[in-house]
């Protein structure tokens, strides 16, 4: 079986013993996977289907955002 998806392997086949610490958040309507660090989030992955969202410098992986 082949899955054509943009979701990472960890979301489709989660492991019970591992807590990744990633949260699904929405920043200005753009879905993101992010890690919470105190009162801000570190962007890990952009989950949008709009190609222009990947060109936004504010939500590049590694950037910090506040919600």
PDB file of N, CA and C in Angstrom:
ATOM      1  N   UNK A   1       0.847  -1.172   0.000  1.00  0.00           N
ATOM      2  CA  UNK A   1       0.000   0.000   0.000  1.00  0.00           C
ATOM      3  C   UNK A   1       0.897   1.241   0.000  1.00  0.00           C
ATOM      4  N   UNK A   2       0.560   2.213  -0.811  1.00  0.00           N
ATOM      5  CA  UNK A   2       1.308   3.457  -0.897  1.00  0.00           C
ATOM      6  C   UNK A   2       0.418   4.586  -0.402  1.00  0.00           C
ATOM      7  N   UNK A   3       0.943   5.387   0.519  1.00  0.00           N
ATOM      8  CA  UNK A   3       0.218   6.547   1.027  1.00  0.00           C
ATOM      9  C   UNK A   3       0.825   7.802   0.434  1.00  0.00           C
ATOM     10  N   UNK A   4       0.034   8.566  -0.274  1.00  0.00           N
ATOM     11  CA  UNK A   4       0.482   9.844  -0.807  1.00  0.00           C
ATOM     12  C   UNK A   4      -0.016  10.925   0.152  1.00  0.00           C
ATOM     13  N   UNK A   5       0.835  11.340   1.055  1.00  0.00           N
ATOM     14  CA  UNK A   5       0.444  12.304   2.070  1.00  0.00           C
ATOM     15  C   UNK A   5       1.621  13.186   2.427  1.00  0.00           C
ATOM     16  N   UNK A   6       1.314  14.383   2.917  1.00  0.00           N
ATOM     17  CA  UNK A   6       2.358  15.283   3.379  1.00  0.00           C
ATOM     18  C   UNK A   6       2.593  15.137   4.882  1.00  0.00           C
ATOM     19  N   UNK A   7       1.807  14.306   5.520  1.00  0.00           N
ATOM     20  CA  UNK A   7       1.953  14.096   6.957  1.00  0.00           C
ATOM     21  C   UNK A   7       3.196  13.256   7.234  1.00  0.00           C
ATOM     22  N   UNK A   8       3.924  13.580   8.297  1.00  0.00           N
ATOM     23  CA  UNK A   8       5.115  12.795   8.610  1.00  0.00           C
ATOM     24  C   UNK A   8       4.757  11.380   9.068  1.00  0.00           C
ATOM     25  N   UNK A   9       5.722  10.509   8.941  1.00  0.00           N
ATOM     26  CA  UNK A   9       5.548   9.097   9.294  1.00  0.00           C
ATOM     27  C   UNK A   9       5.066   8.938  10.741  1.00  0.00           C
ATOM     28  N   UNK A  10       5.528   9.804  11.639  1.00  0.00           N
ATOM     29  CA  UNK A  10       5.173   9.707  13.055  1.00  0.00           C
ATOM     30  C   UNK A  10       3.689   9.952  13.308  1.00  0.00           C
ATOM     31  N   UNK A  11       3.046  10.750  12.463  1.00  0.00           N
ATOM     32  CA  UNK A  11       1.617  11.027  12.642  1.00  0.00           C
ATOM     33  C   UNK A  11       0.754   9.880  12.134  1.00  0.00           C
ATOM     34  N   UNK A  12       1.196   9.220  11.103  1.00  0.00           N
ATOM     35  CA  UNK A  12       0.419   8.124  10.532  1.00  0.00           C
ATOM     36  C   UNK A  12       0.589   6.859  11.358  1.00  0.00           C
ATOM     37  N   UNK A  13       1.813   6.602  11.778  1.00  0.00           N
ATOM     38  CA  UNK A  13       2.122   5.420  12.583  1.00  0.00           C
ATOM     39  C   UNK A  13       2.756   5.859  13.897  1.00  0.00           C
ATOM     40  N   UNK A  14       1.960   6.365  14.838  1.00  0.00           N
ATOM     41  CA  UNK A  14       2.546   6.853  16.092  1.00  0.00           C
ATOM     42  C   UNK A  14       3.051   5.705  16.965  1.00  0.00           C
ATOM     43  N   UNK A  15       4.116   6.006  17.694  1.00  0.00           N
ATOM     44  CA  UNK A  15       4.657   5.046  18.641  1.00  0.00           C
ATOM     45  C   UNK A  15       4.123   5.393  20.025  1.00  0.00           C
ATOM     46  N   UNK A  16       3.675   4.403  20.752  1.00  0.00           N
ATOM     47  CA  UNK A  16       3.057   4.637  22.055  1.00  0.00           C
ATOM     48  C   UNK A  16       4.062   5.091  23.110  1.00  0.00           C
ATOM     49  N   UNK A  17       5.264   4.610  23.041  1.00  0.00           N
ATOM     50  CA  UNK A  17       6.228   4.882  24.104  1.00  0.00           C
ATOM     51  C   UNK A  17       6.998   6.184  23.908  1.00  0.00           C
ATOM     52  N   UNK A  18       6.783   6.878  22.820  1.00  0.00           N
ATOM     53  CA  UNK A  18       7.549   8.078  22.530  1.00  0.00           C
ATOM     54  C   UNK A  18       6.633   9.296  22.505  1.00  0.00           C
ATOM     55  N   UNK A  19       6.985  10.310  23.288  1.00  0.00           N
ATOM     56  CA  UNK A  19       6.247  11.569  23.275  1.00  0.00           C
ATOM     57  C   UNK A  19       7.102  12.596  22.544  1.00  0.00           C
ATOM     58  N   UNK A  20       6.684  12.977  21.361  1.00  0.00           N
ATOM     59  CA  UNK A  20       7.508  13.852  20.532  1.00  0.00           C
ATOM     60  C   UNK A  20       7.484  15.307  21.006  1.00  0.00           C
ATOM     61  N   UNK A  21       6.435  15.727  21.701  1.00  0.00           N
ATOM     62  CA  UNK A  21       6.344  17.100  22.169  1.00  0.00           C
ATOM     63  C   UNK A  21       5.854  18.065  21.103  1.00  0.00           C
ATOM     64  N   UNK A  22       5.464  17.559  19.938  1.00  0.00           N
ATOM     65  CA  UNK A  22       4.958  18.428  18.882  1.00  0.00           C
ATOM     66  C   UNK A  22       3.479  18.694  19.075  1.00  0.00           C
ATOM     67  N   UNK A  23       3.080  19.912  18.780  1.00  0.00           N
ATOM     68  CA  UNK A  23       1.670  20.295  18.848  1.00  0.00           C
ATOM     69  C   UNK A  23       1.243  20.825  17.492  1.00  0.00           C
ATOM     70  N   UNK A  24       0.023  20.534  17.126  1.00  0.00           N
ATOM     71  CA  UNK A  24      -0.554  21.087  15.903  1.00  0.00           C
ATOM     72  C   UNK A  24      -1.164  22.431  16.261  1.00  0.00           C
ATOM     73  N   UNK A  25      -0.598  23.508  15.716  1.00  0.00           N
ATOM     74  CA  UNK A  25      -1.074  24.860  16.000  1.00  0.00           C
ATOM     75  C   UNK A  25      -1.444  25.543  14.691  1.00  0.00           C
ATOM     76  N   UNK A  26      -2.200  26.614  14.811  1.00  0.00           N
ATOM     77  CA  UNK A  26      -2.588  27.398  13.643  1.00  0.00           C
ATOM     78  C   UNK A  26      -2.092  28.818  13.839  1.00  0.00           C
ATOM     79  N   UNK A  27      -1.324  29.318  12.901  1.00  0.00           N
ATOM     80  CA  UNK A  27      -0.798  30.680  12.932  1.00  0.00           C
ATOM     81  C   UNK A  27      -1.362  31.420  11.732  1.00  0.00           C
ATOM     82  N   UNK A  28      -2.220  32.386  11.959  1.00  0.00           N
ATOM     83  CA  UNK A  28      -2.904  33.140  10.890  1.00  0.00           C
ATOM     84  C   UNK A  28      -3.581  32.211   9.890  1.00  0.00           C
ATOM     85  N   UNK A  29      -4.159  31.125  10.376  1.00  0.00           N
ATOM     86  CA  UNK A  29      -4.859  30.181   9.529  1.00  0.00           C
ATOM     87  C   UNK A  29      -3.971  29.154   8.849  1.00  0.00           C
ATOM     88  N   UNK A  30      -2.675  29.158   9.144  1.00  0.00           N
ATOM     89  CA  UNK A  30      -1.727  28.222   8.536  1.00  0.00           C
ATOM     90  C   UNK A  30      -1.426  27.120   9.550  1.00  0.00           C
ATOM     91  N   UNK A  31      -1.710  25.862   9.229  1.00  0.00           N
ATOM     92  CA  UNK A  31      -1.426  24.785  10.176  1.00  0.00           C
ATOM     93  C   UNK A  31       0.073  24.478  10.243  1.00  0.00           C
ATOM     94  N   UNK A  32       0.569  24.322  11.474  1.00  0.00           N
ATOM     95  CA  UNK A  32       1.985  24.084  11.717  1.00  0.00           C
ATOM     96  C   UNK A  32       2.165  23.028  12.789  1.00  0.00           C
ATOM     97  N   UNK A  33       3.269  22.290  12.727  1.00  0.00           N
ATOM     98  CA  UNK A  33       3.722  21.491  13.854  1.00  0.00           C
ATOM     99  C   UNK A  33       4.766  22.327  14.565  1.00  0.00           C
ATOM    100  N   UNK A  34       4.615  22.476  15.881  1.00  0.00           N
ATOM    101  CA  UNK A  34       5.531  23.312  16.634  1.00  0.00           C
ATOM    102  C   UNK A  34       5.798  22.697  17.998  1.00  0.00           C
ATOM    103  N   UNK A  35       6.952  23.056  18.566  1.00  0.00           N
ATOM    104  CA  UNK A  35       7.321  22.644  19.925  1.00  0.00           C
ATOM    105  C   UNK A  35       7.127  23.837  20.843  1.00  0.00           C
ATOM    106  N   UNK A  36       6.472  23.608  21.975  1.00  0.00           N
ATOM    107  CA  UNK A  36       6.245  24.689  22.931  1.00  0.00           C
ATOM    108  C   UNK A  36       7.513  24.905  23.753  1.00  0.00           C
ATOM    109  N   UNK A  37       7.919  26.174  23.836  1.00  0.00           N
ATOM    110  CA  UNK A  37       9.047  26.577  24.663  1.00  0.00           C
ATOM    111  C   UNK A  37       8.618  27.802  25.452  1.00  0.00           C
ATOM    112  N   UNK A  38       8.278  27.613  26.708  1.00  0.00           N
ATOM    113  CA  UNK A  38       7.767  28.641  27.611  1.00  0.00           C
ATOM    114  C   UNK A  38       6.537  29.317  27.014  1.00  0.00           C
ATOM    115  N   UNK A  39       6.618  30.590  26.611  1.00  0.00           N
ATOM    116  CA  UNK A  39       5.429  31.292  26.108  1.00  0.00           C
ATOM    117  C   UNK A  39       5.470  31.482  24.593  1.00  0.00           C
ATOM    118  N   UNK A  40       6.273  30.695  23.898  1.00  0.00           N
ATOM    119  CA  UNK A  40       6.349  30.783  22.447  1.00  0.00           C
ATOM    120  C   UNK A  40       6.501  29.387  21.853  1.00  0.00           C
ATOM    121  N   UNK A  41       6.407  29.306  20.548  1.00  0.00           N
ATOM    122  CA  UNK A  41       6.507  28.033  19.841  1.00  0.00           C
ATOM    123  C   UNK A  41       7.647  28.086  18.836  1.00  0.00           C
ATOM    124  N   UNK A  42       8.337  26.969  18.683  1.00  0.00           N
ATOM    125  CA  UNK A  42       9.372  26.829  17.656  1.00  0.00           C
ATOM    126  C   UNK A  42       8.775  26.015  16.514  1.00  0.00           C
ATOM    127  N   UNK A  43       8.744  26.581  15.312  1.00  0.00           N
ATOM    128  CA  UNK A  43       8.152  25.922  14.153  1.00  0.00           C
ATOM    129  C   UNK A  43       9.026  24.732  13.745  1.00  0.00           C
ATOM    130  N   UNK A  44       8.380  23.564  13.592  1.00  0.00           N
ATOM    131  CA  UNK A  44       9.077  22.357  13.174  1.00  0.00           C
ATOM    132  C   UNK A  44       8.714  22.004  11.738  1.00  0.00           C
ATOM    133  N   UNK A  45       7.432  22.165  11.386  1.00  0.00           N
ATOM    134  CA  UNK A  45       6.986  21.768  10.054  1.00  0.00           C
ATOM    135  C   UNK A  45       5.751  22.571   9.657  1.00  0.00           C
ATOM    136  N   UNK A  46       5.692  22.994   8.407  1.00  0.00           N
ATOM    137  CA  UNK A  46       4.523  23.680   7.850  1.00  0.00           C
ATOM    138  C   UNK A  46       3.648  22.618   7.192  1.00  0.00           C
ATOM    139  N   UNK A  47       2.353  22.620   7.510  1.00  0.00           N
ATOM    140  CA  UNK A  47       1.431  21.600   7.003  1.00  0.00           C
ATOM    141  C   UNK A  47       0.419  22.144   6.011  1.00  0.00           C
ATOM    142  N   UNK A  48       0.712  23.244   5.394  1.00  0.00           N
ATOM    143  CA  UNK A  48      -0.225  23.877   4.474  1.00  0.00           C
ATOM    144  C   UNK A  48      -0.128  23.262   3.080  1.00  0.00           C
ATOM    145  N   UNK A  49      -1.222  23.356   2.332  1.00  0.00           N
ATOM    146  CA  UNK A  49      -1.212  22.923   0.937  1.00  0.00           C
ATOM    147  C   UNK A  49      -1.001  24.093  -0.009  1.00  0.00           C
ATOM    148  N   UNK A  50      -0.899  25.298   0.536  1.00  0.00           N
ATOM    149  CA  UNK A  50      -0.670  26.494  -0.276  1.00  0.00           C
ATOM    150  C   UNK A  50       0.840  26.723  -0.413  1.00  0.00           C
ATOM    151  N   UNK A  51       1.385  26.680  -1.632  1.00  0.00           N
ATOM    152  CA  UNK A  51       2.831  26.830  -1.809  1.00  0.00           C
ATOM    153  C   UNK A  51       3.388  28.171  -1.338  1.00  0.00           C
ATOM    154  N   UNK A  52       2.569  29.218  -1.331  1.00  0.00           N
ATOM    155  CA  UNK A  52       3.074  30.521  -0.897  1.00  0.00           C
ATOM    156  C   UNK A  52       3.354  30.559   0.605  1.00  0.00           C
ATOM    157  N   UNK A  53       2.724  29.697   1.381  1.00  0.00           N
ATOM    158  CA  UNK A  53       2.984  29.660   2.817  1.00  0.00           C
ATOM    159  C   UNK A  53       4.408  29.202   3.115  1.00  0.00           C
ATOM    160  N   UNK A  54       4.977  28.396   2.246  1.00  0.00           N
ATOM    161  CA  UNK A  54       6.344  27.907   2.457  1.00  0.00           C
ATOM    162  C   UNK A  54       7.381  28.987   2.195  1.00  0.00           C
ATOM    163  N   UNK A  55       6.996  30.087   1.567  1.00  0.00           N
ATOM    164  CA  UNK A  55       7.902  31.197   1.309  1.00  0.00           C
ATOM    165  C   UNK A  55       7.838  32.264   2.392  1.00  0.00           C
ATOM    166  N   UNK A  56       6.963  32.103   3.374  1.00  0.00           N
ATOM    167  CA  UNK A  56       6.803  33.071   4.456  1.00  0.00           C
ATOM    168  C   UNK A  56       7.958  32.917   5.444  1.00  0.00           C
ATOM    169  N   UNK A  57       8.774  33.961   5.585  1.00  0.00           N
ATOM    170  CA  UNK A  57       9.947  33.901   6.470  1.00  0.00           C
ATOM    171  C   UNK A  57       9.579  33.798   7.943  1.00  0.00           C
ATOM    172  N   UNK A  58       8.375  34.201   8.326  1.00  0.00           N
ATOM    173  CA  UNK A  58       7.971  34.184   9.730  1.00  0.00           C
ATOM    174  C   UNK A  58       7.692  32.771  10.242  1.00  0.00           C
ATOM    175  N   UNK A  59       7.389  31.839   9.343  1.00  0.00           N
ATOM    176  CA  UNK A  59       7.037  30.483   9.781  1.00  0.00           C
ATOM    177  C   UNK A  59       7.968  29.424   9.205  1.00  0.00           C
ATOM    178  N   UNK A  60       9.172  29.806   8.871  1.00  0.00           N
ATOM    179  CA  UNK A  60      10.143  28.820   8.402  1.00  0.00           C
ATOM    180  C   UNK A  60      10.522  27.914   9.580  1.00  0.00           C
ATOM    181  N   UNK A  61      10.801  26.635   9.337  1.00  0.00           N
ATOM    182  CA  UNK A  61      11.227  25.757  10.422  1.00  0.00           C
ATOM    183  C   UNK A  61      12.446  26.341  11.148  1.00  0.00           C
ATOM    184  N   UNK A  62      12.352  26.331  12.469  1.00  0.00           N
ATOM    185  CA  UNK A  62      13.404  26.919  13.308  1.00  0.00           C
ATOM    186  C   UNK A  62      13.050  28.290  13.832  1.00  0.00           C
ATOM    187  N   UNK A  63      12.079  28.953  13.234  1.00  0.00           N
ATOM    188  CA  UNK A  63      11.644  30.268  13.687  1.00  0.00           C
ATOM    189  C   UNK A  63      10.762  30.140  14.920  1.00  0.00           C
ATOM    190  N   UNK A  64      10.739  31.181  15.735  1.00  0.00           N
ATOM    191  CA  UNK A  64       9.889  31.219  16.927  1.00  0.00           C
ATOM    192  C   UNK A  64       8.684  32.104  16.645  1.00  0.00           C
ATOM    193  N   UNK A  65       7.511  31.635  17.062  1.00  0.00           N
ATOM    194  CA  UNK A  65       6.278  32.404  16.902  1.00  0.00           C
ATOM    195  C   UNK A  65       5.566  32.447  18.241  1.00  0.00           C
ATOM    196  N   UNK A  66       4.697  33.428  18.402  1.00  0.00           N
ATOM    197  CA  UNK A  66       3.841  33.487  19.591  1.00  0.00           C
ATOM    198  C   UNK A  66       2.403  33.470  19.108  1.00  0.00           C
ATOM    199  N   UNK A  67       1.554  32.801  19.858  1.00  0.00           N
ATOM    200  CA  UNK A  67       0.149  32.686  19.469  1.00  0.00           C
ATOM    201  C   UNK A  67      -0.701  33.575  20.347  1.00  0.00           C
TER     202      UNK A  67
END
